[in-house]
Amino acid sequence: YFNRGLTYSQQKKCALALSDCNKAIEINPKYTQAYYLRGLIYSQQKKWDLALANFNKVIEINPKFSDAYTYRGIVYYAQGNYSAAMSDYKQALLINQKDWLAIANIGAIKYEQGEIETAIKQWQKSLAINNKSAYVNLALAVALYSKGEQEQAYKLAETALKIDNKIADVKVLKKNLWGERLMSGSQRLFSSP
């Protein structure tokens, strides 16, 4: 059931994916991957409490499942609980030092808290692991632009747009949980000549 649920999830057939995850969990109540997939689907649907419950269950069953901490951190971030999000990102990094998403999300929190230099370092570290993230490239571009480093910012923004041109749309950034500072910085960067 899980494999079919995963396929349905990739096809954006969320109801069918959730149904198959439920069946997989019925058969094996300790099936961490099924809980994890349910958590991801509920996160995409912005059903934060359901996502949180599933990521909590993954961590209860397997406390070394680093991605569950990262994605639970994303849920906490979406709920505005930066402290809990930061704690989860740090826990994920204790398990997997190369979790580029946790590193990048620490950068997002730091940026929203006005710690631009720390955010820049986090995003650079994240990009050293995975330079294919349009969002991290753009976030770093926004931070550098805010510091007056336009040439480097434009290069990174161009790279980000080549990876995923949809990120030029503010609605897409908002859907991907960009904070107020990053949103306004993105708008300034994109509105510059």
C-alpha atoms as a PDB file:
ATOM      1  CA  TYR A   1       0.000   0.000   0.000  1.00  0.00           C
ATOM      2  CA  PHE A   2       2.781   2.416   0.871  1.00  0.00           C
ATOM      3  CA  ASN A   3       4.442   2.268  -2.551  1.00  0.00           C
ATOM      4  CA  ARG A   4       1.142   2.903  -4.296  1.00  0.00           C
ATOM      5  CA  GLY A   5       0.434   5.728  -1.841  1.00  0.00           C
ATOM      6  CA  LEU A   6       3.792   7.249  -2.671  1.00  0.00           C
ATOM      7  CA  THR A   7       2.969   7.055  -6.376  1.00  0.00           C
ATOM      8  CA  TYR A   8      -0.422   8.683  -5.771  1.00  0.00           C
ATOM      9  CA  SER A   9       1.312  11.392  -3.758  1.00  0.00           C
ATOM     10  CA  GLN A  10       3.700  12.107  -6.637  1.00  0.00           C
ATOM     11  CA  GLN A  11       0.684  12.328  -8.942  1.00  0.00           C
ATOM     12  CA  LYS A  12      -0.921  14.849  -6.535  1.00  0.00           C
ATOM     13  CA  LYS A  13      -3.764  12.401  -5.785  1.00  0.00           C
ATOM     14  CA  CYS A  14      -3.710  13.190  -2.090  1.00  0.00           C
ATOM     15  CA  ALA A  15      -6.926  11.446  -1.022  1.00  0.00           C
ATOM     16  CA  LEU A  16      -5.807   8.170  -2.600  1.00  0.00           C
ATOM     17  CA  ALA A  17      -2.304   8.552  -1.158  1.00  0.00           C
ATOM     18  CA  LEU A  18      -3.681   9.154   2.325  1.00  0.00           C
ATOM     19  CA  SER A  19      -6.010   6.169   2.025  1.00  0.00           C
ATOM     20  CA  ASP A  20      -3.102   3.890   1.101  1.00  0.00           C
ATOM     21  CA  CYS A  21      -0.955   5.298   3.915  1.00  0.00           C
ATOM     22  CA  ASN A  22      -3.796   4.566   6.338  1.00  0.00           C
ATOM     23  CA  LYS A  23      -3.990   0.982   5.075  1.00  0.00           C
ATOM     24  CA  ALA A  24      -0.215   0.553   5.386  1.00  0.00           C
ATOM     25  CA  ILE A  25      -0.382   1.819   8.979  1.00  0.00           C
ATOM     26  CA  GLU A  26      -3.304  -0.517   9.750  1.00  0.00           C
ATOM     27  CA  ILE A  27      -1.147  -3.441   8.643  1.00  0.00           C
ATOM     28  CA  ASN A  28       1.979  -2.139  10.403  1.00  0.00           C
ATOM     29  CA  PRO A  29       1.360   0.517  13.087  1.00  0.00           C
ATOM     30  CA  LYS A  30       5.114   1.231  13.249  1.00  0.00           C
ATOM     31  CA  TYR A  31       5.512   2.019   9.533  1.00  0.00           C
ATOM     32  CA  THR A  32       7.449   5.267   9.853  1.00  0.00           C
ATOM     33  CA  GLN A  33       7.538   5.977   6.120  1.00  0.00           C
ATOM     34  CA  ALA A  34       3.728   5.877   5.936  1.00  0.00           C
ATOM     35  CA  TYR A  35       3.391   8.338   8.831  1.00  0.00           C
ATOM     36  CA  TYR A  36       6.074  10.506   7.265  1.00  0.00           C
ATOM     37  CA  LEU A  37       4.317  10.575   3.894  1.00  0.00           C
ATOM     38  CA  ARG A  38       1.023  11.443   5.599  1.00  0.00           C
ATOM     39  CA  GLY A  39       2.822  14.265   7.401  1.00  0.00           C
ATOM     40  CA  LEU A  40       4.172  15.591   4.101  1.00  0.00           C
ATOM     41  CA  ILE A  41       0.746  15.446   2.448  1.00  0.00           C
ATOM     42  CA  TYR A  42      -0.938  17.196   5.378  1.00  0.00           C
ATOM     43  CA  SER A  43       1.819  19.826   5.295  1.00  0.00           C
ATOM     44  CA  GLN A  44       1.154  20.464   1.610  1.00  0.00           C
ATOM     45  CA  GLN A  45      -2.514  20.842   2.470  1.00  0.00           C
ATOM     46  CA  LYS A  46      -1.576  23.204   5.327  1.00  0.00           C
ATOM     47  CA  LYS A  47      -3.317  20.898   7.811  1.00  0.00           C
ATOM     48  CA  TRP A  48      -0.653  21.689  10.364  1.00  0.00           C
ATOM     49  CA  ASP A  49      -2.058  19.796  13.355  1.00  0.00           C
ATOM     50  CA  LEU A  50      -2.434  16.578  11.358  1.00  0.00           C
ATOM     51  CA  ALA A  51       1.042  17.003   9.882  1.00  0.00           C
ATOM     52  CA  LEU A  52       2.467  17.594  13.347  1.00  0.00           C
ATOM     53  CA  ALA A  53       0.778  14.472  14.745  1.00  0.00           C
ATOM     54  CA  ASN A  54       2.270  12.341  11.979  1.00  0.00           C
ATOM     55  CA  PHE A  55       5.793  13.737  12.297  1.00  0.00           C
ATOM     56  CA  ASN A  56       5.541  13.272  16.076  1.00  0.00           C
ATOM     57  CA  LYS A  57       4.620   9.627  15.509  1.00  0.00           C
ATOM     58  CA  VAL A  58       7.600   9.124  13.180  1.00  0.00           C
ATOM     59  CA  ILE A  59       9.939  10.565  15.818  1.00  0.00           C
ATOM     60  CA  GLU A  60       8.320   8.480  18.565  1.00  0.00           C
ATOM     61  CA  ILE A  61       8.925   5.300  16.538  1.00  0.00           C
ATOM     62  CA  ASN A  62      12.339   6.298  15.194  1.00  0.00           C
ATOM     63  CA  PRO A  63      14.069   9.207  16.968  1.00  0.00           C
ATOM     64  CA  LYS A  64      16.905   9.075  14.380  1.00  0.00           C
ATOM     65  CA  PHE A  65      14.626   9.936  11.419  1.00  0.00           C
ATOM     66  CA  SER A  66      16.219  13.311  10.642  1.00  0.00           C
ATOM     67  CA  ASP A  67      13.800  14.395   7.906  1.00  0.00           C
ATOM     68  CA  ALA A  68      10.895  14.099  10.349  1.00  0.00           C
ATOM     69  CA  TYR A  69      12.562  16.743  12.527  1.00  0.00           C
ATOM     70  CA  THR A  70      13.193  18.961   9.508  1.00  0.00           C
ATOM     71  CA  TYR A  71       9.602  18.787   8.317  1.00  0.00           C
ATOM     72  CA  ARG A  72       8.159  19.092  11.803  1.00  0.00           C
ATOM     73  CA  GLY A  73      10.329  22.205  12.041  1.00  0.00           C
ATOM     74  CA  ILE A  74       8.685  23.498   8.881  1.00  0.00           C
ATOM     75  CA  VAL A  75       5.267  22.961  10.470  1.00  0.00           C
ATOM     76  CA  TYR A  76       6.367  24.860  13.583  1.00  0.00           C
ATOM     77  CA  TYR A  77       7.761  27.639  11.368  1.00  0.00           C
ATOM     78  CA  ALA A  78       4.448  27.851   9.506  1.00  0.00           C
ATOM     79  CA  GLN A  79       2.688  28.180  12.870  1.00  0.00           C
ATOM     80  CA  GLY A  80       5.058  31.005  13.855  1.00  0.00           C
ATOM     81  CA  ASN A  81       6.796  28.931  16.531  1.00  0.00           C
ATOM     82  CA  TYR A  82      10.389  29.778  15.540  1.00  0.00           C
ATOM     83  CA  SER A  83      11.821  28.426  18.792  1.00  0.00           C
ATOM     84  CA  ALA A  84      10.393  24.932  18.275  1.00  0.00           C
ATOM     85  CA  ALA A  85      11.330  25.050  14.584  1.00  0.00           C
ATOM     86  CA  MET A  86      14.916  25.979  15.421  1.00  0.00           C
ATOM     87  CA  SER A  87      15.111  23.179  17.975  1.00  0.00           C
ATOM     88  CA  ASP A  88      13.938  20.633  15.394  1.00  0.00           C
ATOM     89  CA  TYR A  89      16.315  21.889  12.699  1.00  0.00           C
ATOM     90  CA  LYS A  90      19.212  21.580  15.141  1.00  0.00           C
ATOM     91  CA  GLN A  91      18.114  18.064  16.097  1.00  0.00           C
ATOM     92  CA  ALA A  92      17.941  17.102  12.417  1.00  0.00           C
ATOM     93  CA  LEU A  93      21.495  18.384  11.962  1.00  0.00           C
ATOM     94  CA  LEU A  94      22.745  16.356  14.913  1.00  0.00           C
ATOM     95  CA  ILE A  95      21.537  13.281  13.036  1.00  0.00           C
ATOM     96  CA  ASN A  96      22.476  14.424   9.514  1.00  0.00           C
ATOM     97  CA  GLN A  97      25.002  17.263   9.211  1.00  0.00           C
ATOM     98  CA  LYS A  98      24.313  17.527   5.479  1.00  0.00           C
ATOM     99  CA  ASP A  99      20.593  18.287   5.807  1.00  0.00           C
ATOM    100  CA  TRP A 100      20.684  21.288   3.492  1.00  0.00           C
ATOM    101  CA  LEU A 101      17.001  22.046   4.042  1.00  0.00           C
ATOM    102  CA  ALA A 102      17.368  22.280   7.834  1.00  0.00           C
ATOM    103  CA  ILE A 103      20.411  24.527   7.345  1.00  0.00           C
ATOM    104  CA  ALA A 104      18.506  26.736   4.896  1.00  0.00           C
ATOM    105  CA  ASN A 105      15.498  26.965   7.200  1.00  0.00           C
ATOM    106  CA  ILE A 106      17.709  28.088  10.078  1.00  0.00           C
ATOM    107  CA  GLY A 107      18.814  30.830   7.691  1.00  0.00           C
ATOM    108  CA  ALA A 108      15.190  31.793   7.059  1.00  0.00           C
ATOM    109  CA  ILE A 109      14.495  32.104  10.784  1.00  0.00           C
ATOM    110  CA  LYS A 110      17.648  34.144  11.328  1.00  0.00           C
ATOM    111  CA  TYR A 111      16.745  36.449   8.446  1.00  0.00           C
ATOM    112  CA  GLU A 112      13.250  37.013   9.812  1.00  0.00           C
ATOM    113  CA  GLN A 113      14.839  37.812  13.187  1.00  0.00           C
ATOM    114  CA  GLY A 114      17.086  40.419  11.547  1.00  0.00           C
ATOM    115  CA  GLU A 115      20.298  38.369  11.781  1.00  0.00           C
ATOM    116  CA  ILE A 116      21.258  38.863   8.133  1.00  0.00           C
ATOM    117  CA  GLU A 117      24.917  37.816   8.413  1.00  0.00           C
ATOM    118  CA  THR A 118      23.999  34.575  10.161  1.00  0.00           C
ATOM    119  CA  ALA A 119      21.301  33.907   7.553  1.00  0.00           C
ATOM    120  CA  ILE A 120      23.802  34.477   4.737  1.00  0.00           C
ATOM    121  CA  LYS A 121      26.246  31.998   6.282  1.00  0.00           C
ATOM    122  CA  GLN A 122      23.498  29.396   6.669  1.00  0.00           C
ATOM    123  CA  TRP A 123      22.346  29.780   3.064  1.00  0.00           C
ATOM    124  CA  GLN A 124      25.908  29.614   1.752  1.00  0.00           C
ATOM    125  CA  LYS A 125      26.447  26.436   3.780  1.00  0.00           C
ATOM    126  CA  SER A 126      23.186  24.989   2.434  1.00  0.00           C
ATOM    127  CA  LEU A 127      24.112  25.808  -1.163  1.00  0.00           C
ATOM    128  CA  ALA A 128      27.524  24.171  -0.698  1.00  0.00           C
ATOM    129  CA  ILE A 129      25.598  20.925  -0.086  1.00  0.00           C
ATOM    130  CA  ASN A 130      22.813  21.440  -2.653  1.00  0.00           C
ATOM    131  CA  ASN A 131      23.141  24.315  -5.120  1.00  0.00           C
ATOM    132  CA  LYS A 132      19.983  23.285  -7.010  1.00  0.00           C
ATOM    133  CA  SER A 133      17.481  24.909  -4.671  1.00  0.00           C
ATOM    134  CA  ALA A 134      15.875  27.907  -6.339  1.00  0.00           C
ATOM    135  CA  TYR A 135      14.525  29.091  -2.992  1.00  0.00           C
ATOM    136  CA  VAL A 136      17.885  29.055  -1.208  1.00  0.00           C
ATOM    137  CA  ASN A 137      19.590  30.806  -4.135  1.00  0.00           C
ATOM    138  CA  LEU A 138      16.897  33.468  -4.102  1.00  0.00           C
ATOM    139  CA  ALA A 139      16.968  33.867  -0.317  1.00  0.00           C
ATOM    140  CA  LEU A 140      20.723  34.437  -0.422  1.00  0.00           C
ATOM    141  CA  ALA A 141      20.239  36.889  -3.313  1.00  0.00           C
ATOM    142  CA  VAL A 142      17.684  38.842  -1.259  1.00  0.00           C
ATOM    143  CA  ALA A 143      20.018  39.017   1.735  1.00  0.00           C
ATOM    144  CA  LEU A 144      22.987  40.149  -0.349  1.00  0.00           C
ATOM    145  CA  TYR A 145      20.827  42.712  -2.151  1.00  0.00           C
ATOM    146  CA  SER A 146      19.735  44.127   1.204  1.00  0.00           C
ATOM    147  CA  LYS A 147      23.428  44.632   2.044  1.00  0.00           C
ATOM    148  CA  GLY A 148      24.072  46.493  -1.211  1.00  0.00           C
ATOM    149  CA  GLU A 149      25.834  43.611  -2.960  1.00  0.00           C
ATOM    150  CA  GLN A 150      23.716  43.955  -6.093  1.00  0.00           C
ATOM    151  CA  GLU A 151      25.988  42.242  -8.629  1.00  0.00           C
ATOM    152  CA  GLN A 152      26.233  39.009  -6.630  1.00  0.00           C
ATOM    153  CA  ALA A 153      22.529  39.238  -5.757  1.00  0.00           C
ATOM    154  CA  TYR A 154      21.528  39.526  -9.418  1.00  0.00           C
ATOM    155  CA  LYS A 155      23.672  36.503 -10.342  1.00  0.00           C
ATOM    156  CA  LEU A 156      22.078  34.378  -7.620  1.00  0.00           C
ATOM    157  CA  ALA A 157      18.573  35.574  -8.530  1.00  0.00           C
ATOM    158  CA  GLU A 158      19.255  34.669 -12.152  1.00  0.00           C
ATOM    159  CA  THR A 159      20.439  31.214 -11.078  1.00  0.00           C
ATOM    160  CA  ALA A 160      17.317  30.797  -8.949  1.00  0.00           C
ATOM    161  CA  LEU A 161      15.054  31.751 -11.849  1.00  0.00           C
ATOM    162  CA  LYS A 162      16.839  29.333 -14.183  1.00  0.00           C
ATOM    163  CA  ILE A 163      16.181  26.529 -11.691  1.00  0.00           C
ATOM    164  CA  ASP A 164      12.517  27.491 -11.204  1.00  0.00           C
ATOM    165  CA  ASN A 165      11.080  30.575 -12.909  1.00  0.00           C
ATOM    166  CA  LYS A 166       7.846  30.329 -10.872  1.00  0.00           C
ATOM    167  CA  ILE A 167       9.617  31.828  -7.864  1.00  0.00           C
ATOM    168  CA  ALA A 168       9.354  35.275  -9.432  1.00  0.00           C
ATOM    169  CA  ASP A 169       5.681  35.107  -8.415  1.00  0.00           C
ATOM    170  CA  VAL A 170       5.105  36.427  -4.898  1.00  0.00           C
ATOM    171  CA  LYS A 171       2.170  34.018  -4.451  1.00  0.00           C
ATOM    172  CA  VAL A 172       4.520  31.068  -5.006  1.00  0.00           C
ATOM    173  CA  LEU A 173       6.934  32.408  -2.383  1.00  0.00           C
ATOM    174  CA  LYS A 174       4.085  32.930   0.065  1.00  0.00           C
ATOM    175  CA  LYS A 175       2.821  29.394  -0.589  1.00  0.00           C
ATOM    176  CA  ASN A 176       6.329  28.167   0.254  1.00  0.00           C
ATOM    177  CA  LEU A 177       6.173  29.893   3.649  1.00  0.00           C
ATOM    178  CA  TRP A 178       8.459  32.846   3.035  1.00  0.00           C
ATOM    179  CA  GLY A 179       8.434  35.232   5.963  1.00  0.00           C
ATOM    180  CA  GLU A 180       7.606  38.924   5.769  1.00  0.00           C
ATOM    181  CA  ARG A 181      11.217  40.124   5.545  1.00  0.00           C
ATOM    182  CA  LEU A 182      12.082  37.675   2.787  1.00  0.00           C
ATOM    183  CA  MET A 183       8.877  38.535   0.931  1.00  0.00           C
ATOM    184  CA  SER A 184       9.489  42.284   1.010  1.00  0.00           C
ATOM    185  CA  GLY A 185      13.155  41.786   0.153  1.00  0.00           C
ATOM    186  CA  SER A 186      12.195  39.635  -2.833  1.00  0.00           C
ATOM    187  CA  GLN A 187       9.790  42.292  -4.045  1.00  0.00           C
ATOM    188  CA  ARG A 188      12.531  44.949  -3.797  1.00  0.00           C
ATOM    189  CA  LEU A 189      15.003  42.740  -5.642  1.00  0.00           C
ATOM    190  CA  PHE A 190      12.560  41.898  -8.452  1.00  0.00           C
ATOM    191  CA  SER A 191      11.412  45.512  -8.822  1.00  0.00           C
ATOM    192  CA  SER A 192      14.950  46.851  -9.242  1.00  0.00           C
ATOM    193  CA  PRO A 193      16.113  47.664 -12.774  1.00  0.00           C
END
